[in-house]
Amino acid sequence: MPLNKSRRNGDIPLMSLDITGGTFLMGTNSAESFPQDGEGPVRRITLDAFAIAPYAVTNADFTVFVEETGYKTENEGA
């Protein structure tokens, strides 16, 4: 997975990992699963290639994103 450096947020470079697309089995058939949460049943899923950050978004990062884009959450009436 190549690590891509994109723009910078202050002194921290924002990076992403390239994930190759493909088909896989997702979910579980366990009696202890929660199908209403999407945990089951097992099903075949196909995803396109995508990029994802290797770390969770911090509140500070999200604040910068909101200020730069004017983004509204579902709760704020996006």
PDB file of N, CA and C in Angstrom:
ATOM      1  N   MET A   1       0.833  -1.172   0.000  1.00  0.00           N
ATOM      2  CA  MET A   1       0.000   0.000   0.000  1.00  0.00           C
ATOM      3  C   MET A   1       0.879   1.237   0.000  1.00  0.00           C
ATOM      4  N   PRO A   2       0.879   1.985  -1.075  1.00  0.00           N
ATOM      5  CA  PRO A   2       1.689   3.203  -1.116  1.00  0.00           C
ATOM      6  C   PRO A   2       1.120   4.263  -0.175  1.00  0.00           C
ATOM      7  N   LEU A   3       2.000   4.985   0.466  1.00  0.00           N
ATOM      8  CA  LEU A   3       1.613   6.082   1.341  1.00  0.00           C
ATOM      9  C   LEU A   3       1.758   7.365   0.546  1.00  0.00           C
ATOM     10  N   ASN A   4       0.674   8.113   0.436  1.00  0.00           N
ATOM     11  CA  ASN A   4       0.672   9.349  -0.334  1.00  0.00           C
ATOM     12  C   ASN A   4       0.633  10.539   0.603  1.00  0.00           C
ATOM     13  N   LYS A   5       1.555  11.462   0.418  1.00  0.00           N
ATOM     14  CA  LYS A   5       1.519  12.709   1.185  1.00  0.00           C
ATOM     15  C   LYS A   5       0.748  13.718   0.352  1.00  0.00           C
ATOM     16  N   SER A   6      -0.252  14.324   0.962  1.00  0.00           N
ATOM     17  CA  SER A   6      -1.014  15.342   0.257  1.00  0.00           C
ATOM     18  C   SER A   6      -0.734  16.687   0.900  1.00  0.00           C
ATOM     19  N   ARG A   7      -1.738  17.501   1.081  1.00  0.00           N
ATOM     20  CA  ARG A   7      -1.516  18.827   1.662  1.00  0.00           C
ATOM     21  C   ARG A   7      -1.128  18.699   3.123  1.00  0.00           C
ATOM     22  N   ARG A   8      -0.719  19.782   3.711  1.00  0.00           N
ATOM     23  CA  ARG A   8      -0.304  19.771   5.116  1.00  0.00           C
ATOM     24  C   ARG A   8      -1.344  20.492   5.967  1.00  0.00           C
ATOM     25  N   ASN A   9      -1.531  20.021   7.186  1.00  0.00           N
ATOM     26  CA  ASN A   9      -2.400  20.655   8.162  1.00  0.00           C
ATOM     27  C   ASN A   9      -1.475  21.141   9.276  1.00  0.00           C
ATOM     28  N   GLY A  10      -1.127  22.396   9.254  1.00  0.00           N
ATOM     29  CA  GLY A  10      -0.141  22.904  10.204  1.00  0.00           C
ATOM     30  C   GLY A  10       1.186  22.241   9.905  1.00  0.00           C
ATOM     31  N   ASP A  11       1.793  21.607  10.903  1.00  0.00           N
ATOM     32  CA  ASP A  11       3.067  20.931  10.717  1.00  0.00           C
ATOM     33  C   ASP A  11       2.901  19.440  10.443  1.00  0.00           C
ATOM     34  N   ILE A  12       1.656  18.960  10.362  1.00  0.00           N
ATOM     35  CA  ILE A  12       1.416  17.529  10.196  1.00  0.00           C
ATOM     36  C   ILE A  12       1.021  17.238   8.756  1.00  0.00           C
ATOM     37  N   PRO A  13       1.808  16.420   8.045  1.00  0.00           N
ATOM     38  CA  PRO A  13       1.410  16.087   6.679  1.00  0.00           C
ATOM     39  C   PRO A  13       0.181  15.180   6.703  1.00  0.00           C
ATOM     40  N   LEU A  14      -0.795  15.501   5.857  1.00  0.00           N
ATOM     41  CA  LEU A  14      -1.969  14.642   5.724  1.00  0.00           C
ATOM     42  C   LEU A  14      -1.636  13.578   4.693  1.00  0.00           C
ATOM     43  N   MET A  15      -1.772  12.317   5.072  1.00  0.00           N
ATOM     44  CA  MET A  15      -1.382  11.213   4.213  1.00  0.00           C
ATOM     45  C   MET A  15      -2.564  10.305   3.953  1.00  0.00           C
ATOM     46  N   SER A  16      -2.446   9.496   2.918  1.00  0.00           N
ATOM     47  CA  SER A  16      -3.467   8.499   2.653  1.00  0.00           C
ATOM     48  C   SER A  16      -2.804   7.220   2.149  1.00  0.00           C
ATOM     49  N   LEU A  17      -3.498   6.124   2.378  1.00  0.00           N
ATOM     50  CA  LEU A  17      -3.054   4.827   1.888  1.00  0.00           C
ATOM     51  C   LEU A  17      -3.930   4.443   0.710  1.00  0.00           C
ATOM     52  N   ASP A  18      -3.322   3.991  -0.364  1.00  0.00           N
ATOM     53  CA  ASP A  18      -4.077   3.516  -1.516  1.00  0.00           C
ATOM     54  C   ASP A  18      -4.488   2.069  -1.263  1.00  0.00           C
ATOM     55  N   ILE A  19      -5.774   1.789  -1.340  1.00  0.00           N
ATOM     56  CA  ILE A  19      -6.312   0.450  -1.141  1.00  0.00           C
ATOM     57  C   ILE A  19      -6.784  -0.075  -2.488  1.00  0.00           C
ATOM     58  N   THR A  20      -6.298  -1.247  -2.848  1.00  0.00           N
ATOM     59  CA  THR A  20      -6.684  -1.863  -4.115  1.00  0.00           C
ATOM     60  C   THR A  20      -8.114  -2.370  -4.007  1.00  0.00           C
ATOM     61  N   GLY A  21      -8.907  -2.132  -5.019  1.00  0.00           N
ATOM     62  CA  GLY A  21     -10.276  -2.635  -5.033  1.00  0.00           C
ATOM     63  C   GLY A  21     -10.300  -4.140  -5.235  1.00  0.00           C
ATOM     64  N   GLY A  22     -11.461  -4.723  -5.062  1.00  0.00           N
ATOM     65  CA  GLY A  22     -11.611  -6.151  -5.271  1.00  0.00           C
ATOM     66  C   GLY A  22     -12.875  -6.674  -4.633  1.00  0.00           C
ATOM     67  N   THR A  23     -13.014  -7.986  -4.673  1.00  0.00           N
ATOM     68  CA  THR A  23     -14.180  -8.665  -4.123  1.00  0.00           C
ATOM     69  C   THR A  23     -13.757  -9.490  -2.913  1.00  0.00           C
ATOM     70  N   PHE A  24     -14.559  -9.472  -1.867  1.00  0.00           N
ATOM     71  CA  PHE A  24     -14.257 -10.238  -0.664  1.00  0.00           C
ATOM     72  C   PHE A  24     -15.559 -10.612   0.044  1.00  0.00           C
ATOM     73  N   LEU A  25     -15.450 -11.519   1.014  1.00  0.00           N
ATOM     74  CA  LEU A  25     -16.607 -11.886   1.823  1.00  0.00           C
ATOM     75  C   LEU A  25     -16.608 -11.019   3.070  1.00  0.00           C
ATOM     76  N   MET A  26     -17.747 -10.377   3.338  1.00  0.00           N
ATOM     77  CA  MET A  26     -17.877  -9.483   4.481  1.00  0.00           C
ATOM     78  C   MET A  26     -19.012  -9.978   5.363  1.00  0.00           C
ATOM     79  N   GLY A  27     -18.844  -9.852   6.666  1.00  0.00           N
ATOM     80  CA  GLY A  27     -19.901 -10.194   7.595  1.00  0.00           C
ATOM     81  C   GLY A  27     -19.640 -11.495   8.321  1.00  0.00           C
ATOM     82  N   THR A  28     -20.641 -11.927   9.055  1.00  0.00           N
ATOM     83  CA  THR A  28     -20.541 -13.157   9.838  1.00  0.00           C
ATOM     84  C   THR A  28     -21.907 -13.819   9.893  1.00  0.00           C
ATOM     85  N   ASN A  29     -21.900 -15.125  10.064  1.00  0.00           N
ATOM     86  CA  ASN A  29     -23.134 -15.875  10.267  1.00  0.00           C
ATOM     87  C   ASN A  29     -23.269 -16.315  11.718  1.00  0.00           C
ATOM     88  N   SER A  30     -22.455 -15.761  12.603  1.00  0.00           N
ATOM     89  CA  SER A  30     -22.470 -16.117  14.017  1.00  0.00           C
ATOM     90  C   SER A  30     -23.817 -15.766  14.645  1.00  0.00           C
ATOM     91  N   ALA A  31     -24.288 -16.635  15.516  1.00  0.00           N
ATOM     92  CA  ALA A  31     -25.526 -16.368  16.249  1.00  0.00           C
ATOM     93  C   ALA A  31     -25.369 -15.173  17.182  1.00  0.00           C
ATOM     94  N   GLU A  32     -24.148 -14.791  17.491  1.00  0.00           N
ATOM     95  CA  GLU A  32     -23.890 -13.663  18.380  1.00  0.00           C
ATOM     96  C   GLU A  32     -23.721 -12.338  17.637  1.00  0.00           C
ATOM     97  N   SER A  33     -23.932 -12.347  16.337  1.00  0.00           N
ATOM     98  CA  SER A  33     -23.767 -11.119  15.553  1.00  0.00           C
ATOM     99  C   SER A  33     -25.014 -10.244  15.661  1.00  0.00           C
ATOM    100  N   PHE A  34     -24.888  -9.023  15.162  1.00  0.00           N
ATOM    101  CA  PHE A  34     -25.990  -8.077  15.138  1.00  0.00           C
ATOM    102  C   PHE A  34     -26.282  -7.696  13.683  1.00  0.00           C
ATOM    103  N   PRO A  35     -27.161  -8.463  12.995  1.00  0.00           N
ATOM    104  CA  PRO A  35     -27.458  -8.175  11.589  1.00  0.00           C
ATOM    105  C   PRO A  35     -27.956  -6.748  11.370  1.00  0.00           C
ATOM    106  N   GLN A  36     -28.666  -6.170  12.342  1.00  0.00           N
ATOM    107  CA  GLN A  36     -29.166  -4.803  12.199  1.00  0.00           C
ATOM    108  C   GLN A  36     -28.028  -3.781  12.142  1.00  0.00           C
ATOM    109  N   ASP A  37     -26.834  -4.173  12.583  1.00  0.00           N
ATOM    110  CA  ASP A  37     -25.652  -3.311  12.496  1.00  0.00           C
ATOM    111  C   ASP A  37     -24.830  -3.606  11.249  1.00  0.00           C
ATOM    112  N   GLY A  38     -25.327  -4.479  10.391  1.00  0.00           N
ATOM    113  CA  GLY A  38     -24.604  -4.813   9.170  1.00  0.00           C
ATOM    114  C   GLY A  38     -23.547  -5.883   9.357  1.00  0.00           C
ATOM    115  N   GLU A  39     -23.546  -6.564  10.517  1.00  0.00           N
ATOM    116  CA  GLU A  39     -22.522  -7.582  10.781  1.00  0.00           C
ATOM    117  C   GLU A  39     -22.791  -8.880  10.026  1.00  0.00           C
ATOM    118  N   GLY A  40     -23.993  -9.129   9.633  1.00  0.00           N
ATOM    119  CA  GLY A  40     -24.303 -10.384   8.955  1.00  0.00           C
ATOM    120  C   GLY A  40     -25.524 -10.202   8.090  1.00  0.00           C
ATOM    121  N   PRO A  41     -25.766 -11.172   7.265  1.00  0.00           N
ATOM    122  CA  PRO A  41     -25.017 -12.413   7.074  1.00  0.00           C
ATOM    123  C   PRO A  41     -23.776 -12.177   6.220  1.00  0.00           C
ATOM    124  N   VAL A  42     -22.981 -13.245   6.053  1.00  0.00           N
ATOM    125  CA  VAL A  42     -21.828 -13.179   5.154  1.00  0.00           C
ATOM    126  C   VAL A  42     -22.346 -12.909   3.747  1.00  0.00           C
ATOM    127  N   ARG A  43     -21.724 -11.957   3.061  1.00  0.00           N
ATOM    128  CA  ARG A  43     -22.101 -11.659   1.677  1.00  0.00           C
ATOM    129  C   ARG A  43     -20.880 -11.216   0.898  1.00  0.00           C
ATOM    130  N   ARG A  44     -20.930 -11.388  -0.411  1.00  0.00           N
ATOM    131  CA  ARG A  44     -19.843 -11.010  -1.303  1.00  0.00           C
ATOM    132  C   ARG A  44     -19.965  -9.518  -1.606  1.00  0.00           C
ATOM    133  N   ILE A  45     -18.881  -8.784  -1.387  1.00  0.00           N
ATOM    134  CA  ILE A  45     -18.837  -7.335  -1.591  1.00  0.00           C
ATOM    135  C   ILE A  45     -17.733  -7.014  -2.597  1.00  0.00           C
ATOM    136  N   THR A  46     -18.012  -6.085  -3.488  1.00  0.00           N
ATOM    137  CA  THR A  46     -16.999  -5.605  -4.420  1.00  0.00           C
ATOM    138  C   THR A  46     -16.812  -4.110  -4.203  1.00  0.00           C
ATOM    139  N   LEU A  47     -15.563  -3.710  -3.985  1.00  0.00           N
ATOM    140  CA  LEU A  47     -15.229  -2.301  -3.775  1.00  0.00           C
ATOM    141  C   LEU A  47     -14.297  -1.812  -4.866  1.00  0.00           C
ATOM    142  N   ASP A  48     -14.487  -0.560  -5.273  1.00  0.00           N
ATOM    143  CA  ASP A  48     -13.529   0.096  -6.148  1.00  0.00           C
ATOM    144  C   ASP A  48     -12.297   0.454  -5.319  1.00  0.00           C
ATOM    145  N   ALA A  49     -11.197   0.723  -5.974  1.00  0.00           N
ATOM    146  CA  ALA A  49      -9.998   1.197  -5.281  1.00  0.00           C
ATOM    147  C   ALA A  49     -10.324   2.533  -4.603  1.00  0.00           C
ATOM    148  N   PHE A  50      -9.686   2.794  -3.461  1.00  0.00           N
ATOM    149  CA  PHE A  50      -9.916   4.048  -2.754  1.00  0.00           C
ATOM    150  C   PHE A  50      -8.692   4.384  -1.915  1.00  0.00           C
ATOM    151  N   ALA A  51      -8.687   5.587  -1.376  1.00  0.00           N
ATOM    152  CA  ALA A  51      -7.613   6.019  -0.485  1.00  0.00           C
ATOM    153  C   ALA A  51      -8.228   6.319   0.872  1.00  0.00           C
ATOM    154  N   ILE A  52      -7.474   6.027   1.929  1.00  0.00           N
ATOM    155  CA  ILE A  52      -7.962   6.248   3.289  1.00  0.00           C
ATOM    156  C   ILE A  52      -6.810   6.740   4.156  1.00  0.00           C
ATOM    157  N   ALA A  53      -7.130   7.576   5.125  1.00  0.00           N
ATOM    158  CA  ALA A  53      -6.106   8.061   6.051  1.00  0.00           C
ATOM    159  C   ALA A  53      -5.672   6.920   6.963  1.00  0.00           C
ATOM    160  N   PRO A  54      -4.388   6.847   7.298  1.00  0.00           N
ATOM    161  CA  PRO A  54      -3.919   5.769   8.161  1.00  0.00           C
ATOM    162  C   PRO A  54      -4.227   5.996   9.644  1.00  0.00           C
ATOM    163  N   TYR A  55      -4.722   7.168   9.994  1.00  0.00           N
ATOM    164  CA  TYR A  55      -5.012   7.499  11.386  1.00  0.00           C
ATOM    165  C   TYR A  55      -6.407   8.095  11.492  1.00  0.00           C
ATOM    166  N   ALA A  56      -6.984   8.001  12.675  1.00  0.00           N
ATOM    167  CA  ALA A  56      -8.295   8.594  12.924  1.00  0.00           C
ATOM    168  C   ALA A  56      -8.213  10.113  12.784  1.00  0.00           C
ATOM    169  N   VAL A  57      -9.311  10.731  12.402  1.00  0.00           N
ATOM    170  CA  VAL A  57      -9.390  12.184  12.298  1.00  0.00           C
ATOM    171  C   VAL A  57      -9.533  12.754  13.709  1.00  0.00           C
ATOM    172  N   THR A  58      -8.720  13.735  14.034  1.00  0.00           N
ATOM    173  CA  THR A  58      -8.826  14.386  15.340  1.00  0.00           C
ATOM    174  C   THR A  58      -9.906  15.470  15.283  1.00  0.00           C
ATOM    175  N   ASN A  59     -10.350  15.898  16.435  1.00  0.00           N
ATOM    176  CA  ASN A  59     -11.302  17.005  16.480  1.00  0.00           C
ATOM    177  C   ASN A  59     -10.715  18.249  15.834  1.00  0.00           C
ATOM    178  N   ALA A  60      -9.422  18.491  16.049  1.00  0.00           N
ATOM    179  CA  ALA A  60      -8.764  19.663  15.450  1.00  0.00           C
ATOM    180  C   ALA A  60      -8.757  19.557  13.933  1.00  0.00           C
ATOM    181  N   ASP A  61      -8.440  18.367  13.401  1.00  0.00           N
ATOM    182  CA  ASP A  61      -8.462  18.170  11.943  1.00  0.00           C
ATOM    183  C   ASP A  61      -9.870  18.391  11.393  1.00  0.00           C
ATOM    184  N   PHE A  62     -10.883  17.865  12.091  1.00  0.00           N
ATOM    185  CA  PHE A  62     -12.260  18.018  11.627  1.00  0.00           C
ATOM    186  C   PHE A  62     -12.664  19.488  11.643  1.00  0.00           C
ATOM    187  N   THR A  63     -12.233  20.221  12.657  1.00  0.00           N
ATOM    188  CA  THR A  63     -12.532  21.656  12.734  1.00  0.00           C
ATOM    189  C   THR A  63     -11.938  22.394  11.539  1.00  0.00           C
ATOM    190  N   VAL A  64     -10.697  22.084  11.187  1.00  0.00           N
ATOM    191  CA  VAL A  64     -10.067  22.712  10.016  1.00  0.00           C
ATOM    192  C   VAL A  64     -10.876  22.384   8.759  1.00  0.00           C
ATOM    193  N   PHE A  65     -11.270  21.121   8.604  1.00  0.00           N
ATOM    194  CA  PHE A  65     -12.067  20.701   7.452  1.00  0.00           C
ATOM    195  C   PHE A  65     -13.373  21.490   7.377  1.00  0.00           C
ATOM    196  N   VAL A  66     -14.080  21.613   8.502  1.00  0.00           N
ATOM    197  CA  VAL A  66     -15.357  22.339   8.535  1.00  0.00           C
ATOM    198  C   VAL A  66     -15.144  23.799   8.183  1.00  0.00           C
ATOM    199  N   GLU A  67     -14.111  24.410   8.749  1.00  0.00           N
ATOM    200  CA  GLU A  67     -13.841  25.829   8.465  1.00  0.00           C
ATOM    201  C   GLU A  67     -13.479  26.059   7.005  1.00  0.00           C
ATOM    202  N   GLU A  68     -12.739  25.126   6.402  1.00  0.00           N
ATOM    203  CA  GLU A  68     -12.300  25.290   5.009  1.00  0.00           C
ATOM    204  C   GLU A  68     -13.398  24.981   4.004  1.00  0.00           C
ATOM    205  N   THR A  69     -14.341  24.106   4.369  1.00  0.00           N
ATOM    206  CA  THR A  69     -15.334  23.656   3.388  1.00  0.00           C
ATOM    207  C   THR A  69     -16.760  24.108   3.680  1.00  0.00           C
ATOM    208  N   GLY A  70     -17.035  24.557   4.908  1.00  0.00           N
ATOM    209  CA  GLY A  70     -18.398  24.908   5.282  1.00  0.00           C
ATOM    210  C   GLY A  70     -19.276  23.675   5.492  1.00  0.00           C
ATOM    211  N   TYR A  71     -18.664  22.522   5.655  1.00  0.00           N
ATOM    212  CA  TYR A  71     -19.391  21.265   5.823  1.00  0.00           C
ATOM    213  C   TYR A  71     -20.355  21.327   7.007  1.00  0.00           C
ATOM    214  N   LYS A  72     -21.537  20.733   6.823  1.00  0.00           N
ATOM    215  CA  LYS A  72     -22.526  20.607   7.890  1.00  0.00           C
ATOM    216  C   LYS A  72     -22.784  19.136   8.135  1.00  0.00           C
ATOM    217  N   THR A  73     -22.812  18.729   9.400  1.00  0.00           N
ATOM    218  CA  THR A  73     -23.114  17.337   9.729  1.00  0.00           C
ATOM    219  C   THR A  73     -24.612  17.089   9.530  1.00  0.00           C
ATOM    220  N   GLU A  74     -25.003  15.801   9.530  1.00  0.00           N
ATOM    221  CA  GLU A  74     -26.432  15.471   9.403  1.00  0.00           C
ATOM    222  C   GLU A  74     -27.225  16.145  10.525  1.00  0.00           C
ATOM    223  N   ASN A  75     -26.653  16.206  11.708  1.00  0.00           N
ATOM    224  CA  ASN A  75     -27.328  16.809  12.848  1.00  0.00           C
ATOM    225  C   ASN A  75     -27.526  18.316  12.656  1.00  0.00           C
ATOM    226  N   GLU A  76     -26.654  18.931  11.877  1.00  0.00           N
ATOM    227  CA  GLU A  76     -26.738  20.380  11.638  1.00  0.00           C
ATOM    228  C   GLU A  76     -27.575  20.701  10.405  1.00  0.00           C
ATOM    229  N   GLY A  77     -28.107  19.674   9.777  1.00  0.00           N
ATOM    230  CA  GLY A  77     -28.952  19.909   8.602  1.00  0.00           C
ATOM    231  C   GLY A  77     -28.167  20.073   7.327  1.00  0.00           C
ATOM    232  N   ALA A  78     -27.268  19.103   7.072  1.00  0.00           N
ATOM    233  CA  ALA A  78     -26.454  19.124   5.858  1.00  0.00           C
ATOM    234  C   ALA A  78     -27.301  19.264   4.691  1.00  0.00           C
TER     235      ALA A  78
END
